[in-house]
């Protein structure tokens, strides 16, 4: 059954919107004002069309999914305080993928990231997810620690990924939401199965 509702914001004074192409300038402003994610992953600030590209970029050919949701968390002043890109049913019907998750720099250390992430998890579970999946850039220490603290498990590393002016290793991580085993996950997403040294 298609998902028709956005996650509810768990933070008082913040509400959620779907970031569609007409709202790309709002997302671009957020990216410009909060460059830490882009500096940590791509080695440079967001490009001038980063907001629109986040909304309109397509997944690689052959990767099945239902919808890419780009979710904005809007504060009382009308500006974004966080955003999340979540792809539903990626690779299999019960896997939701967090493509991007950024909280405004001035809210780091406030607990907002944990609360917002918990809200996303609840929304995903309500809509049939058994697994959450994401990729974190190796060396982005803050993000690596955050996702590990939220219960994500490293399953595979993918070196040689181009991000901005850097070539990075992306670490794919998964989190079981309903108590499944990694073998059950790999049966759904064999491309995430770990490989031996020297294999691609």
N, C-alpha and C. Protein backbone atom coordinates (compact mmCIF):
# COMPACT_ATOMS: atom_id res chain seq x y z
N UNK A 1 0.85 -1.20 0.00
CA UNK A 1 0.00 0.00 0.00
C UNK A 1 0.88 1.24 0.00
N UNK A 2 0.64 2.21 -0.90
CA UNK A 2 1.51 3.38 -0.97
C UNK A 2 1.49 4.21 0.31
N UNK A 3 2.64 4.80 0.63
CA UNK A 3 2.73 5.68 1.79
C UNK A 3 2.17 7.04 1.38
N UNK A 4 1.30 7.58 2.20
CA UNK A 4 0.66 8.85 1.85
C UNK A 4 0.96 9.96 2.85
N UNK A 5 1.59 9.63 3.96
CA UNK A 5 1.84 10.64 4.98
C UNK A 5 3.32 10.78 5.27
N UNK A 6 3.73 11.99 5.59
CA UNK A 6 5.10 12.27 5.99
C UNK A 6 5.32 11.86 7.44
N UNK A 7 6.59 11.68 7.83
CA UNK A 7 6.86 11.50 9.26
C UNK A 7 6.38 12.72 10.03
N UNK A 8 5.92 12.51 11.23
CA UNK A 8 5.53 13.62 12.11
C UNK A 8 6.77 14.11 12.84
N UNK A 9 6.96 15.41 12.90
CA UNK A 9 8.12 15.93 13.63
C UNK A 9 7.92 15.72 15.12
N UNK A 10 8.92 15.12 15.79
CA UNK A 10 8.82 14.93 17.23
C UNK A 10 9.29 16.15 18.03
N UNK A 11 9.70 17.21 17.34
CA UNK A 11 10.23 18.40 18.01
C UNK A 11 9.18 19.50 17.99
N UNK A 12 8.87 20.03 19.15
CA UNK A 12 7.87 21.10 19.25
C UNK A 12 8.31 22.31 18.43
N UNK A 13 7.38 22.88 17.68
CA UNK A 13 7.67 24.05 16.87
C UNK A 13 8.27 23.74 15.52
N UNK A 14 8.45 22.47 15.22
CA UNK A 14 9.00 22.04 13.93
C UNK A 14 7.97 21.16 13.24
N UNK A 15 7.73 21.41 11.95
CA UNK A 15 6.80 20.56 11.20
C UNK A 15 7.49 20.06 9.93
N UNK A 16 6.93 19.01 9.35
CA UNK A 16 7.54 18.40 8.17
C UNK A 16 6.82 18.82 6.90
N UNK A 17 7.60 18.91 5.82
CA UNK A 17 7.07 19.14 4.49
C UNK A 17 7.80 18.22 3.52
N UNK A 18 7.16 17.94 2.40
CA UNK A 18 7.87 17.23 1.34
C UNK A 18 8.59 18.25 0.48
N UNK A 19 9.88 18.04 0.27
CA UNK A 19 10.69 18.97 -0.52
C UNK A 19 10.60 18.56 -1.99
N UNK A 20 9.73 19.24 -2.70
CA UNK A 20 9.55 19.04 -4.14
C UNK A 20 10.33 20.11 -4.88
N UNK A 21 10.34 20.05 -6.20
CA UNK A 21 11.22 20.94 -6.98
C UNK A 21 10.95 22.42 -6.72
N UNK A 22 9.70 22.78 -6.45
CA UNK A 22 9.40 24.19 -6.19
C UNK A 22 10.00 24.68 -4.88
N UNK A 23 10.41 23.73 -4.02
CA UNK A 23 11.02 24.10 -2.75
C UNK A 23 12.53 23.91 -2.75
N UNK A 24 13.10 23.70 -3.92
CA UNK A 24 14.55 23.52 -4.02
C UNK A 24 15.33 24.72 -3.45
N UNK A 25 14.88 25.98 -3.66
CA UNK A 25 15.63 27.10 -3.08
C UNK A 25 15.70 27.04 -1.55
N UNK A 26 14.64 26.54 -0.91
CA UNK A 26 14.65 26.40 0.55
C UNK A 26 15.71 25.40 0.98
N UNK A 27 15.80 24.28 0.25
CA UNK A 27 16.81 23.27 0.57
C UNK A 27 18.20 23.79 0.26
N UNK A 28 18.35 24.51 -0.84
CA UNK A 28 19.65 25.07 -1.19
C UNK A 28 20.15 26.03 -0.11
N UNK A 29 19.25 26.84 0.41
CA UNK A 29 19.62 27.77 1.48
C UNK A 29 20.12 27.00 2.70
N UNK A 30 19.43 25.91 3.03
CA UNK A 30 19.83 25.08 4.17
C UNK A 30 21.22 24.49 3.94
N UNK A 31 21.46 23.97 2.74
CA UNK A 31 22.77 23.40 2.42
C UNK A 31 23.86 24.46 2.50
N UNK A 32 23.58 25.65 1.98
CA UNK A 32 24.58 26.72 1.99
C UNK A 32 24.93 27.16 3.41
N UNK A 33 23.91 27.16 4.28
CA UNK A 33 24.12 27.64 5.64
C UNK A 33 24.68 26.57 6.57
N UNK A 34 24.68 25.31 6.10
CA UNK A 34 25.16 24.20 6.93
C UNK A 34 26.10 23.31 6.10
N UNK A 35 27.31 23.81 5.83
CA UNK A 35 28.21 23.09 4.92
C UNK A 35 28.96 21.91 5.53
N UNK A 36 28.81 21.66 6.83
CA UNK A 36 29.65 20.66 7.49
C UNK A 36 29.56 19.28 6.83
N UNK A 37 28.35 18.84 6.47
CA UNK A 37 28.18 17.52 5.86
C UNK A 37 28.96 17.44 4.55
N UNK A 38 28.84 18.47 3.73
CA UNK A 38 29.48 18.44 2.42
C UNK A 38 31.00 18.54 2.55
N UNK A 39 31.49 19.32 3.50
CA UNK A 39 32.93 19.41 3.72
C UNK A 39 33.48 18.06 4.20
N UNK A 40 32.70 17.35 5.02
CA UNK A 40 33.17 16.07 5.57
C UNK A 40 33.13 14.95 4.54
N UNK A 41 32.21 15.04 3.59
CA UNK A 41 32.05 13.94 2.63
C UNK A 41 32.70 14.23 1.28
N UNK A 42 32.45 15.43 0.76
CA UNK A 42 32.93 15.77 -0.58
C UNK A 42 34.16 16.67 -0.58
N UNK A 43 34.52 17.20 0.58
CA UNK A 43 35.70 18.05 0.67
C UNK A 43 35.48 19.45 0.16
N UNK A 44 34.22 19.83 -0.06
CA UNK A 44 33.90 21.18 -0.54
C UNK A 44 32.45 21.49 -0.18
N UNK A 45 32.08 22.79 -0.14
CA UNK A 45 30.69 23.13 0.17
C UNK A 45 29.73 22.63 -0.91
N UNK A 46 28.45 22.68 -0.61
CA UNK A 46 27.43 22.29 -1.59
C UNK A 46 27.53 23.16 -2.83
N UNK A 47 27.33 22.55 -3.99
CA UNK A 47 27.30 23.30 -5.24
C UNK A 47 26.05 24.13 -5.35
N UNK A 48 25.99 25.06 -6.32
CA UNK A 48 24.86 25.99 -6.44
C UNK A 48 23.54 25.32 -6.81
N UNK A 49 23.60 24.10 -7.34
CA UNK A 49 22.37 23.38 -7.69
C UNK A 49 22.15 22.14 -6.83
N UNK A 50 22.85 22.08 -5.69
CA UNK A 50 22.81 20.88 -4.85
C UNK A 50 21.39 20.57 -4.35
N UNK A 51 20.64 21.61 -4.00
CA UNK A 51 19.29 21.40 -3.50
C UNK A 51 18.39 20.75 -4.53
N UNK A 52 18.42 21.28 -5.75
CA UNK A 52 17.60 20.72 -6.83
C UNK A 52 18.05 19.30 -7.17
N UNK A 53 19.36 19.07 -7.19
CA UNK A 53 19.88 17.73 -7.51
C UNK A 53 19.48 16.71 -6.44
N UNK A 54 19.46 17.13 -5.18
CA UNK A 54 19.03 16.24 -4.10
C UNK A 54 17.60 15.76 -4.33
N UNK A 55 16.78 16.66 -4.83
CA UNK A 55 15.36 16.35 -5.04
C UNK A 55 15.14 15.54 -6.32
N UNK A 56 15.86 15.87 -7.37
CA UNK A 56 15.55 15.28 -8.68
C UNK A 56 16.47 14.13 -9.10
N UNK A 57 17.59 13.92 -8.40
CA UNK A 57 18.53 12.88 -8.83
C UNK A 57 17.87 11.51 -8.80
N UNK A 58 18.24 10.68 -9.77
CA UNK A 58 17.65 9.35 -9.90
C UNK A 58 18.60 8.29 -9.39
N UNK A 59 18.05 7.16 -8.99
CA UNK A 59 18.86 6.05 -8.53
C UNK A 59 19.51 5.35 -9.72
N UNK A 60 20.60 4.61 -9.47
CA UNK A 60 21.22 3.86 -10.56
C UNK A 60 20.23 2.90 -11.21
N UNK A 61 20.40 2.71 -12.49
CA UNK A 61 19.53 1.79 -13.23
C UNK A 61 19.58 0.40 -12.61
N UNK A 62 18.44 -0.23 -12.54
CA UNK A 62 18.38 -1.59 -12.03
C UNK A 62 18.12 -1.71 -10.55
N UNK A 63 18.12 -0.59 -9.82
CA UNK A 63 17.85 -0.64 -8.38
C UNK A 63 16.35 -0.39 -8.17
N UNK A 64 15.67 -1.40 -7.70
CA UNK A 64 14.23 -1.27 -7.51
C UNK A 64 13.92 -0.46 -6.25
N UNK A 65 12.86 0.31 -6.31
CA UNK A 65 12.41 1.09 -5.15
C UNK A 65 10.99 1.57 -5.43
N UNK A 66 10.34 2.09 -4.38
CA UNK A 66 8.99 2.61 -4.56
C UNK A 66 8.99 4.12 -4.71
N UNK A 67 9.61 4.85 -3.78
CA UNK A 67 9.62 6.32 -3.86
C UNK A 67 10.82 6.87 -3.11
N UNK A 68 11.34 7.98 -3.63
CA UNK A 68 12.34 8.76 -2.90
C UNK A 68 11.63 9.93 -2.23
N UNK A 69 11.63 9.93 -0.91
CA UNK A 69 11.05 11.02 -0.14
C UNK A 69 12.15 11.98 0.27
N UNK A 70 12.01 13.25 -0.05
CA UNK A 70 12.93 14.27 0.47
C UNK A 70 12.12 15.11 1.45
N UNK A 71 12.47 14.97 2.72
CA UNK A 71 11.65 15.50 3.82
C UNK A 71 12.36 16.69 4.45
N UNK A 72 11.64 17.77 4.61
CA UNK A 72 12.17 18.94 5.28
C UNK A 72 11.54 19.14 6.64
N UNK A 73 12.35 19.53 7.59
CA UNK A 73 11.86 19.86 8.94
C UNK A 73 11.97 21.37 9.08
N UNK A 74 10.81 22.02 9.20
CA UNK A 74 10.74 23.48 9.13
C UNK A 74 10.52 24.07 10.52
N UNK A 75 11.36 25.04 10.86
CA UNK A 75 11.22 25.71 12.15
C UNK A 75 10.22 26.85 12.10
N UNK A 76 10.06 27.53 13.22
CA UNK A 76 9.05 28.57 13.33
C UNK A 76 9.32 29.77 12.43
N UNK A 77 10.57 29.95 12.02
CA UNK A 77 10.90 31.08 11.15
C UNK A 77 10.76 30.74 9.67
N UNK A 78 10.32 29.51 9.36
CA UNK A 78 10.12 29.11 7.98
C UNK A 78 11.33 28.51 7.31
N UNK A 79 12.47 28.48 8.00
CA UNK A 79 13.69 27.88 7.45
C UNK A 79 13.79 26.43 7.90
N UNK A 80 14.55 25.65 7.14
CA UNK A 80 14.77 24.26 7.51
C UNK A 80 15.73 24.16 8.70
N UNK A 81 15.43 23.22 9.59
CA UNK A 81 16.35 22.92 10.68
C UNK A 81 16.98 21.54 10.49
N UNK A 82 16.43 20.76 9.55
CA UNK A 82 16.96 19.43 9.23
C UNK A 82 16.32 18.95 7.94
N UNK A 83 16.93 17.94 7.33
CA UNK A 83 16.34 17.30 6.16
C UNK A 83 16.73 15.84 6.13
N UNK A 84 15.92 15.06 5.46
CA UNK A 84 16.21 13.64 5.29
C UNK A 84 15.73 13.19 3.92
N UNK A 85 16.53 12.35 3.30
CA UNK A 85 16.18 11.73 2.01
C UNK A 85 16.04 10.24 2.31
N UNK A 86 14.83 9.72 2.14
CA UNK A 86 14.56 8.33 2.47
C UNK A 86 13.95 7.64 1.25
N UNK A 87 14.56 6.52 0.85
CA UNK A 87 14.08 5.76 -0.30
C UNK A 87 13.36 4.52 0.23
N UNK A 88 12.10 4.38 -0.12
CA UNK A 88 11.33 3.26 0.39
C UNK A 88 11.43 2.05 -0.54
N UNK A 89 11.49 0.88 0.08
CA UNK A 89 11.51 -0.39 -0.64
C UNK A 89 12.70 -0.49 -1.60
N UNK A 90 13.86 -0.05 -1.14
CA UNK A 90 15.06 -0.14 -1.98
C UNK A 90 15.59 -1.57 -1.95
N UNK A 91 15.75 -2.17 -3.09
CA UNK A 91 16.25 -3.54 -3.28
C UNK A 91 15.21 -4.60 -2.90
N UNK A 92 14.42 -4.32 -1.87
CA UNK A 92 13.37 -5.25 -1.44
C UNK A 92 12.30 -4.46 -0.71
N UNK A 93 11.12 -5.06 -0.61
CA UNK A 93 9.97 -4.33 -0.09
C UNK A 93 10.07 -3.89 1.35
N UNK A 94 10.94 -4.49 2.12
CA UNK A 94 11.00 -4.16 3.55
C UNK A 94 12.26 -3.38 3.93
N UNK A 95 13.00 -2.88 2.93
CA UNK A 95 14.23 -2.12 3.20
C UNK A 95 14.00 -0.65 2.86
N UNK A 96 14.19 0.21 3.84
CA UNK A 96 14.16 1.65 3.61
C UNK A 96 15.60 2.16 3.72
N UNK A 97 15.98 3.05 2.81
CA UNK A 97 17.36 3.55 2.75
C UNK A 97 17.38 5.04 3.08
N UNK A 98 18.21 5.41 4.05
CA UNK A 98 18.41 6.83 4.36
C UNK A 98 19.55 7.33 3.49
N UNK A 99 19.21 8.13 2.48
CA UNK A 99 20.22 8.61 1.55
C UNK A 99 21.00 9.79 2.10
N UNK A 100 20.29 10.72 2.76
CA UNK A 100 20.92 11.90 3.36
C UNK A 100 20.15 12.23 4.63
N UNK A 101 20.88 12.63 5.66
CA UNK A 101 20.26 13.06 6.90
C UNK A 101 21.14 14.15 7.48
N UNK A 102 20.65 15.39 7.47
CA UNK A 102 21.46 16.52 7.93
C UNK A 102 20.64 17.34 8.92
N UNK A 103 21.24 17.62 10.05
CA UNK A 103 20.65 18.50 11.05
C UNK A 103 21.48 19.77 11.10
N UNK A 104 20.83 20.92 11.22
CA UNK A 104 21.53 22.20 11.23
C UNK A 104 22.66 22.19 12.26
N UNK A 105 23.78 22.78 11.89
CA UNK A 105 24.97 22.77 12.74
C UNK A 105 24.69 23.35 14.11
N UNK A 106 23.86 24.40 14.19
CA UNK A 106 23.61 25.03 15.49
C UNK A 106 22.75 24.15 16.41
N UNK A 107 22.26 23.01 15.87
CA UNK A 107 21.50 22.07 16.70
C UNK A 107 22.31 20.83 17.05
N UNK A 108 23.56 20.76 16.58
CA UNK A 108 24.41 19.63 16.95
C UNK A 108 24.62 19.63 18.46
N UNK A 109 24.57 18.45 19.05
CA UNK A 109 24.76 18.33 20.49
C UNK A 109 23.50 18.58 21.30
N UNK A 110 22.40 18.90 20.62
CA UNK A 110 21.15 19.22 21.33
C UNK A 110 20.28 17.98 21.57
N UNK A 111 20.63 16.87 20.89
CA UNK A 111 19.78 15.69 20.94
C UNK A 111 18.76 15.63 19.82
N UNK A 112 18.67 16.71 19.01
CA UNK A 112 17.69 16.74 17.93
C UNK A 112 17.92 15.64 16.90
N UNK A 113 19.18 15.35 16.59
CA UNK A 113 19.46 14.33 15.58
C UNK A 113 18.90 12.98 16.01
N UNK A 114 19.11 12.63 17.28
CA UNK A 114 18.60 11.35 17.78
C UNK A 114 17.08 11.32 17.74
N UNK A 115 16.44 12.41 18.17
CA UNK A 115 14.97 12.46 18.22
C UNK A 115 14.38 12.38 16.82
N UNK A 116 14.96 13.13 15.89
CA UNK A 116 14.46 13.11 14.51
C UNK A 116 14.67 11.74 13.88
N UNK A 117 15.82 11.13 14.15
CA UNK A 117 16.09 9.81 13.61
C UNK A 117 15.11 8.78 14.18
N UNK A 118 14.81 8.89 15.46
CA UNK A 118 13.82 7.98 16.07
C UNK A 118 12.46 8.14 15.39
N UNK A 119 12.10 9.38 15.07
CA UNK A 119 10.84 9.62 14.38
C UNK A 119 10.81 8.99 13.00
N UNK A 120 11.95 9.07 12.29
CA UNK A 120 12.03 8.42 10.98
C UNK A 120 11.88 6.90 11.10
N UNK A 121 12.51 6.34 12.12
CA UNK A 121 12.41 4.90 12.33
C UNK A 121 10.96 4.47 12.57
N UNK A 122 10.25 5.24 13.40
CA UNK A 122 8.86 4.91 13.68
C UNK A 122 8.01 4.98 12.42
N UNK A 123 8.25 6.00 11.62
CA UNK A 123 7.52 6.17 10.35
C UNK A 123 7.82 4.99 9.42
N UNK A 124 9.08 4.61 9.34
CA UNK A 124 9.47 3.49 8.48
C UNK A 124 8.80 2.20 8.95
N UNK A 125 8.83 1.93 10.24
CA UNK A 125 8.21 0.71 10.76
C UNK A 125 6.70 0.71 10.52
N UNK A 126 6.07 1.84 10.74
CA UNK A 126 4.63 1.95 10.52
C UNK A 126 4.27 1.62 9.08
N UNK A 127 5.21 1.92 8.17
CA UNK A 127 4.95 1.72 6.75
C UNK A 127 5.61 0.46 6.19
N UNK A 128 5.94 -0.48 7.07
CA UNK A 128 6.34 -1.81 6.63
C UNK A 128 7.81 -2.12 6.57
N UNK A 129 8.66 -1.19 7.00
CA UNK A 129 10.10 -1.45 6.94
C UNK A 129 10.52 -2.45 8.02
N UNK A 130 11.36 -3.39 7.63
CA UNK A 130 11.98 -4.30 8.59
C UNK A 130 13.46 -3.97 8.75
N UNK A 131 14.00 -3.21 7.79
CA UNK A 131 15.42 -2.87 7.80
C UNK A 131 15.59 -1.41 7.39
N UNK A 132 16.53 -0.73 8.03
CA UNK A 132 17.00 0.57 7.56
C UNK A 132 18.43 0.40 7.06
N UNK A 133 18.73 1.05 5.97
CA UNK A 133 20.03 0.92 5.32
C UNK A 133 20.56 2.32 5.04
N UNK A 134 21.87 2.48 5.05
CA UNK A 134 22.47 3.77 4.69
C UNK A 134 23.93 3.56 4.31
N UNK A 135 24.53 4.61 3.77
CA UNK A 135 25.95 4.61 3.48
C UNK A 135 26.61 5.79 4.17
N UNK A 136 27.68 5.56 4.89
CA UNK A 136 28.40 6.64 5.55
C UNK A 136 29.82 6.67 5.00
N UNK A 137 30.32 7.88 4.76
CA UNK A 137 31.67 8.03 4.21
C UNK A 137 32.70 7.73 5.29
N UNK A 138 33.61 6.81 4.96
CA UNK A 138 34.68 6.46 5.90
C UNK A 138 35.52 7.71 6.19
N UNK A 139 35.75 7.96 7.46
CA UNK A 139 36.49 9.15 7.85
C UNK A 139 35.61 10.29 8.31
N UNK A 140 34.30 10.21 8.03
CA UNK A 140 33.35 11.18 8.56
C UNK A 140 33.00 10.70 9.98
N UNK A 141 33.93 10.96 10.89
CA UNK A 141 33.90 10.33 12.21
C UNK A 141 32.62 10.63 12.96
N UNK A 142 32.15 11.86 12.90
CA UNK A 142 30.93 12.21 13.63
C UNK A 142 29.76 11.35 13.17
N UNK A 143 29.63 11.18 11.85
CA UNK A 143 28.53 10.39 11.31
C UNK A 143 28.71 8.91 11.64
N UNK A 144 29.94 8.41 11.52
CA UNK A 144 30.19 6.99 11.82
C UNK A 144 29.80 6.67 13.26
N UNK A 145 30.18 7.54 14.17
CA UNK A 145 29.85 7.32 15.58
C UNK A 145 28.35 7.42 15.82
N UNK A 146 27.72 8.39 15.17
CA UNK A 146 26.28 8.57 15.36
C UNK A 146 25.51 7.32 14.93
N UNK A 147 25.78 6.85 13.71
CA UNK A 147 25.00 5.71 13.21
C UNK A 147 25.29 4.44 14.00
N UNK A 148 26.54 4.25 14.41
CA UNK A 148 26.84 3.08 15.25
C UNK A 148 26.08 3.16 16.57
N UNK A 149 25.97 4.37 17.12
CA UNK A 149 25.26 4.54 18.39
C UNK A 149 23.77 4.31 18.24
N UNK A 150 23.26 4.40 17.01
CA UNK A 150 21.83 4.18 16.77
C UNK A 150 21.54 2.73 16.41
N UNK A 151 22.55 1.86 16.48
CA UNK A 151 22.33 0.44 16.28
C UNK A 151 22.60 -0.07 14.88
N UNK A 152 23.23 0.74 14.04
CA UNK A 152 23.55 0.29 12.68
C UNK A 152 24.81 -0.58 12.67
N UNK A 153 24.81 -1.58 11.80
CA UNK A 153 25.88 -2.57 11.71
C UNK A 153 26.54 -2.48 10.34
N UNK A 154 27.86 -2.41 10.31
CA UNK A 154 28.58 -2.39 9.04
C UNK A 154 28.43 -3.72 8.32
N UNK A 155 28.05 -3.67 7.03
CA UNK A 155 27.94 -4.91 6.26
C UNK A 155 28.92 -4.96 5.08
N UNK A 156 29.21 -3.82 4.48
CA UNK A 156 30.10 -3.85 3.32
C UNK A 156 30.72 -2.49 3.09
N UNK A 157 31.97 -2.48 2.62
CA UNK A 157 32.63 -1.23 2.25
C UNK A 157 32.78 -1.17 0.74
N UNK A 158 32.51 0.02 0.20
CA UNK A 158 32.61 0.21 -1.25
C UNK A 158 33.61 1.34 -1.53
N UNK A 159 34.84 0.99 -1.89
CA UNK A 159 35.86 2.01 -2.17
C UNK A 159 35.66 2.61 -3.57
N UNK A 160 36.34 3.73 -3.79
CA UNK A 160 36.40 4.30 -5.13
C UNK A 160 35.17 5.05 -5.57
N UNK A 161 34.39 5.60 -4.60
CA UNK A 161 33.19 6.35 -4.93
C UNK A 161 33.54 7.83 -5.04
N UNK A 162 33.14 8.46 -6.14
CA UNK A 162 33.43 9.88 -6.35
C UNK A 162 32.39 10.73 -5.65
N UNK A 163 32.85 11.62 -4.77
CA UNK A 163 31.98 12.58 -4.11
C UNK A 163 32.67 13.94 -4.15
N UNK A 164 32.10 14.85 -4.93
CA UNK A 164 32.73 16.16 -5.07
C UNK A 164 34.14 16.01 -5.61
N UNK A 165 35.12 16.56 -4.91
CA UNK A 165 36.50 16.47 -5.38
C UNK A 165 37.28 15.36 -4.69
N UNK A 166 36.56 14.46 -4.03
CA UNK A 166 37.20 13.36 -3.32
C UNK A 166 36.78 12.01 -3.88
N UNK A 167 37.66 11.04 -3.71
CA UNK A 167 37.32 9.64 -3.95
C UNK A 167 37.27 8.98 -2.58
N UNK A 168 36.11 8.44 -2.24
CA UNK A 168 35.90 7.98 -0.86
C UNK A 168 35.52 6.51 -0.82
N UNK A 169 35.58 5.96 0.37
CA UNK A 169 35.03 4.63 0.65
C UNK A 169 33.71 4.83 1.39
N UNK A 170 32.66 4.24 0.84
CA UNK A 170 31.35 4.33 1.48
C UNK A 170 31.11 3.04 2.26
N UNK A 171 30.75 3.18 3.51
CA UNK A 171 30.50 2.03 4.38
C UNK A 171 28.99 1.82 4.47
N UNK A 172 28.49 0.74 3.88
CA UNK A 172 27.07 0.42 3.97
C UNK A 172 26.76 -0.19 5.33
N UNK A 173 25.74 0.34 5.99
CA UNK A 173 25.34 -0.11 7.31
C UNK A 173 23.85 -0.40 7.30
N UNK A 174 23.43 -1.34 8.11
CA UNK A 174 22.01 -1.68 8.21
C UNK A 174 21.60 -1.79 9.67
N UNK A 175 20.30 -1.60 9.88
CA UNK A 175 19.73 -1.74 11.22
C UNK A 175 18.47 -2.57 11.14
N UNK A 176 18.40 -3.67 11.88
CA UNK A 176 17.16 -4.45 11.91
C UNK A 176 16.12 -3.75 12.79
N UNK A 177 14.90 -3.63 12.27
CA UNK A 177 13.84 -2.99 13.03
C UNK A 177 12.89 -3.99 13.67
N UNK A 178 12.97 -5.24 13.21
CA UNK A 178 12.03 -6.25 13.71
C UNK A 178 12.76 -7.53 14.13
N UNK A 179 14.04 -7.38 14.50
CA UNK A 179 14.77 -8.51 15.06
C UNK A 179 15.32 -9.51 14.06
N UNK A 180 15.42 -9.15 12.79
CA UNK A 180 15.95 -10.08 11.79
C UNK A 180 17.44 -10.29 11.92
N UNK A 181 17.94 -11.35 11.29
CA UNK A 181 19.37 -11.63 11.27
C UNK A 181 19.99 -11.04 10.01
N UNK A 182 21.30 -10.89 10.02
CA UNK A 182 21.98 -10.39 8.83
C UNK A 182 21.82 -11.35 7.65
N UNK A 183 21.78 -12.62 7.91
CA UNK A 183 21.58 -13.57 6.82
C UNK A 183 20.22 -13.37 6.15
N UNK A 184 19.22 -13.05 6.94
CA UNK A 184 17.91 -12.74 6.38
C UNK A 184 17.98 -11.46 5.53
N UNK A 185 18.76 -10.50 6.00
CA UNK A 185 18.93 -9.27 5.23
C UNK A 185 19.64 -9.56 3.91
N UNK A 186 20.73 -10.32 3.96
CA UNK A 186 21.49 -10.60 2.73
C UNK A 186 20.67 -11.38 1.72
N UNK A 187 19.72 -12.17 2.20
CA UNK A 187 18.83 -12.88 1.29
C UNK A 187 17.97 -11.90 0.50
N UNK A 188 17.64 -10.76 1.12
CA UNK A 188 16.87 -9.72 0.45
C UNK A 188 17.75 -8.83 -0.41
N UNK A 189 18.96 -8.56 0.07
CA UNK A 189 19.88 -7.62 -0.60
C UNK A 189 21.25 -8.25 -0.75
N UNK A 190 21.39 -9.22 -1.66
CA UNK A 190 22.68 -9.93 -1.80
C UNK A 190 23.83 -9.00 -2.19
N UNK A 191 23.53 -7.86 -2.80
CA UNK A 191 24.62 -6.94 -3.19
C UNK A 191 25.33 -6.35 -1.98
N UNK A 192 24.73 -6.43 -0.79
CA UNK A 192 25.35 -5.90 0.41
C UNK A 192 26.14 -6.95 1.19
N UNK A 193 26.16 -8.19 0.67
CA UNK A 193 26.90 -9.23 1.36
C UNK A 193 28.40 -8.88 1.35
N UNK A 194 29.09 -9.05 2.46
CA UNK A 194 30.52 -8.74 2.50
C UNK A 194 31.28 -9.58 1.48
N UNK A 195 32.40 -9.02 1.00
CA UNK A 195 33.24 -9.73 0.04
C UNK A 195 34.62 -9.91 0.64
N UNK A 196 35.34 -10.91 0.11
CA UNK A 196 36.70 -11.16 0.56
C UNK A 196 37.64 -10.10 0.00
N UNK A 197 38.78 -9.92 0.63
CA UNK A 197 39.77 -8.97 0.13
C UNK A 197 40.12 -9.29 -1.31
N UNK A 198 40.17 -8.25 -2.14
CA UNK A 198 40.52 -8.43 -3.54
C UNK A 198 39.33 -8.58 -4.46
N UNK A 199 38.15 -8.86 -3.89
CA UNK A 199 36.94 -8.94 -4.70
C UNK A 199 36.33 -7.56 -4.85
N UNK A 200 35.50 -7.39 -5.88
CA UNK A 200 34.78 -6.12 -6.07
C UNK A 200 33.34 -6.30 -5.63
